[in-house]
Amino acid sequence: DEEERAAMELCGALEYAEVEREVQFGEGSIGIMFSGFTSFPSCRAPHGAAIAVTHVFPEGPAEANGVQCCDLITSLNGETLPSDLTKDEFFDLLAEAPRPVRIGFRART
């Protein structure tokens, strides 16, 4: 949809930190919405990232850990995500991952 495309275009235009930061999440919702750059080929995928945070729910675990809209998701449980990973594939990986789960983020600068 147009709102998701606009968020991904914004994410593609930003600059990002060189260092990934890993955050551990327990059971339940992580408190984010995300999308994949593969769904929007016209959007630049910074640092070869496949997935970006498009929304952080207020007072959720992600917000409490400093995750922000447009942060890039770069790894899951220490494994780097491939640059061609789709949003649905990441969702499946996340759903199947044992808890607690560790997600690597690259923050915008």
Protein backbone atom coordinates (compact mmCIF):
# COMPACT_ATOMS: atom_id res chain seq x y z
CA ASP A 1 0.00 0.00 0.00
CA GLU A 2 1.03 3.65 -0.37
CA GLU A 3 1.76 4.19 3.34
CA GLU A 4 4.11 1.20 3.39
CA ARG A 5 5.83 2.36 0.17
CA ALA A 6 6.33 5.85 1.63
CA ALA A 7 7.89 4.37 4.77
CA MET A 8 10.26 2.22 2.72
CA GLU A 9 11.26 5.17 0.51
CA LEU A 10 12.07 7.15 3.67
CA CYS A 11 14.08 4.23 5.09
CA GLY A 12 16.03 4.00 1.86
CA ALA A 13 16.93 7.69 1.94
CA LEU A 14 18.39 7.76 5.47
CA GLU A 15 21.94 7.20 6.68
CA TYR A 16 22.66 4.37 9.11
CA ALA A 17 25.16 3.53 11.81
CA GLU A 18 27.99 1.22 10.81
CA VAL A 19 27.50 -1.00 13.86
CA GLU A 20 24.66 -3.44 14.41
CA ARG A 21 23.04 -3.60 17.84
CA GLU A 22 21.42 -6.81 19.02
CA VAL A 23 18.23 -6.77 21.12
CA GLN A 24 16.75 -9.80 22.88
CA PHE A 25 12.99 -10.29 23.03
CA GLY A 26 11.05 -12.83 25.10
CA GLU A 27 7.61 -14.32 24.58
CA GLY A 28 4.81 -12.35 22.95
CA SER A 29 4.80 -9.45 20.57
CA ILE A 30 8.00 -7.60 19.74
CA GLY A 31 6.01 -4.43 19.09
CA ILE A 32 6.99 -3.60 15.51
CA MET A 33 5.68 -3.71 11.98
CA PHE A 34 8.19 -4.29 9.20
CA SER A 35 8.45 -4.49 5.45
CA GLY A 36 10.89 -5.82 2.89
CA PHE A 37 12.82 -3.88 0.28
CA THR A 38 12.13 -6.73 -2.19
CA SER A 39 8.48 -5.59 -2.29
CA PHE A 40 9.56 -2.13 -3.45
CA PRO A 41 12.36 -2.51 -6.04
CA SER A 42 12.49 1.26 -6.63
CA CYS A 43 13.50 1.85 -2.98
CA ARG A 44 17.20 1.87 -2.11
CA ALA A 45 18.15 -0.91 0.33
CA PRO A 46 20.84 0.61 2.59
CA HIS A 47 23.76 -1.68 3.51
CA GLY A 48 22.16 -4.53 1.55
CA ALA A 49 19.39 -4.82 4.16
CA ALA A 50 16.26 -6.74 3.26
CA ILE A 51 13.93 -5.68 6.09
CA ALA A 52 13.15 -2.33 7.74
CA VAL A 53 10.98 -1.36 10.70
CA THR A 54 7.96 0.62 9.45
CA HIS A 55 6.19 1.13 12.78
CA VAL A 56 7.06 0.83 16.47
CA PHE A 57 4.12 0.36 18.83
CA PRO A 58 4.13 2.78 21.79
CA GLU A 59 5.11 1.24 25.12
CA GLY A 60 5.98 -2.10 23.48
CA PRO A 61 9.15 -4.14 23.96
CA ALA A 62 10.82 -2.69 20.85
CA GLU A 63 10.24 0.91 21.93
CA ALA A 64 11.53 0.07 25.42
CA ASN A 65 14.73 -1.19 23.77
CA GLY A 66 15.23 1.92 21.63
CA VAL A 67 14.07 0.51 18.30
CA GLN A 68 12.83 3.26 15.96
CA CYS A 69 10.89 3.44 12.73
CA CYS A 70 13.23 2.90 9.76
CA ASP A 71 15.81 0.91 11.73
CA LEU A 72 17.13 -1.87 9.53
CA ILE A 73 16.75 -5.48 10.67
CA THR A 74 20.04 -7.18 9.84
CA SER A 75 20.15 -10.47 11.73
CA LEU A 76 18.11 -13.04 13.62
CA ASN A 77 19.70 -15.07 16.43
CA GLY A 78 23.18 -14.12 15.22
CA GLU A 79 22.57 -15.10 11.58
CA THR A 80 22.84 -12.33 8.99
CA LEU A 81 19.68 -11.99 6.93
CA PRO A 82 20.11 -12.41 3.17
CA SER A 83 19.55 -9.27 1.09
CA ASP A 84 16.83 -10.95 -0.98
CA LEU A 85 14.73 -12.03 2.03
CA THR A 86 11.06 -11.08 1.70
CA LYS A 87 8.82 -9.69 4.41
CA ASP A 88 6.85 -12.96 4.52
CA GLU A 89 10.01 -15.06 4.76
CA PHE A 90 11.26 -12.95 7.67
CA PHE A 91 7.87 -13.26 9.36
CA ASP A 92 8.10 -17.07 9.06
CA LEU A 93 11.67 -17.14 10.41
CA LEU A 94 10.65 -14.97 13.34
CA ALA A 95 7.56 -17.07 14.11
CA GLU A 96 9.61 -20.29 14.08
CA ALA A 97 12.55 -18.94 16.11
CA PRO A 98 12.87 -20.21 19.69
CA ARG A 99 12.34 -17.59 22.41
CA PRO A 100 14.05 -15.56 23.60
CA VAL A 101 14.93 -14.29 20.12
CA ARG A 102 17.80 -11.92 19.28
CA ILE A 103 17.29 -9.40 16.49
CA GLY A 104 20.08 -7.28 15.07
CA PHE A 105 19.22 -3.68 14.20
CA ARG A 106 21.19 -1.01 12.39
CA ALA A 107 19.94 2.35 13.66
CA ARG A 108 19.50 5.45 11.56
CA THR A 109 21.92 8.28 12.32
